[in-house]
């Protein structure tokens, strides 16, 4: 009997231990399942959030980019140099001061046949239309105290003699158009022509002497003025774009071409002259093509854009600023509500009682 009891006690202890072990393993399995469930939930949540933001930002409107249509313009090569203005006619008179009977009016226009100086023994008559001028001798010469030199200059037409480097000599022809600027006023441009060219190259200067003719009917330019001369040659009509459209990559030049669907295509081109922000296009584009003019950093190849025509005025905003309060109006205080309560004011009845007292 004792053995049977001992065996039953041992069996009961083993079953209790096994139950505890099973309970412990069940807890571990539950914790593992919950842990994996949490990880799965986090992964699913992150995937859903990522897909949401991906759809949201993928629907962003295309950026507004300034575009310009390719068009033809006149391009021409230029030879630039400087020269001094010389009057078409000039005549000088040496006059002794004691011979002058009447004061001479300098810097005035005269016509052929007018008397410009009345002297004791003779009168000086102008042989052609021009302007009277005066040139004194140097102050250190005694003759300047007793004599003057009277100049008569016809500045209605001016000549400019310049030297053209021999490498450009084949491009200079008679009656060729010339642009002229005065060094004192670069904003105004005068027109002239090549009046004549020398028959040979100056071997000392290795240049071709050229004379340029300039009409000066209002005498705006004075003789002796330093003039900037630009001789134009090889004029042609070529395609043109803005220099802000160029995308430089090494020796290659690209532009962003816009098609009918407003899709941007990176296109290689060949350029020529560049002048005042305009670039000549030799190949790679056609007349009427549209290219990106400004905003290259916001443009992506094969991407969509919202084209904005170059030079178009931005739409005026409907937003208006709030009118400022008039100076006579008093600003509201945050304690105005206390004043409305009349806490510190006496009623009319109390005022009458005080008077009677």
Foldseek 3Di string as FASTA:
>chain_A
DVVVVVVVVVVVVVVVVVVVVVVVVVVVVVVVVVVVVVVVVVVVVVVVVVVVVVVVVVPDDFAEFAKEFKAKDKDWDKDKDKWFKDFPDKDKDKDWPVQFDDDFDFFDWDAAQDFRTHGPVDTDGHRGTFGKHWDADDPVDPVSVTITMIMGGHRQKIKTKDWAALVCVVFADFQFKKWKDFPVDRVDIFIKTFHDWDPDADPVVNTTITMIMGGRRPPPDDGGTMMMMMGTGDMDMFIKAFPQQWDDDPPWIWGWWQDPQQFTAIWTWDWDDDDPRMIGTDDTDDGGTMTGRDDPVSDDHRDHHNYDYPPDDDDDDPDDDDDDDDPVDDDDDPCVVVVVVCPVPDDPVVVVVVVVD
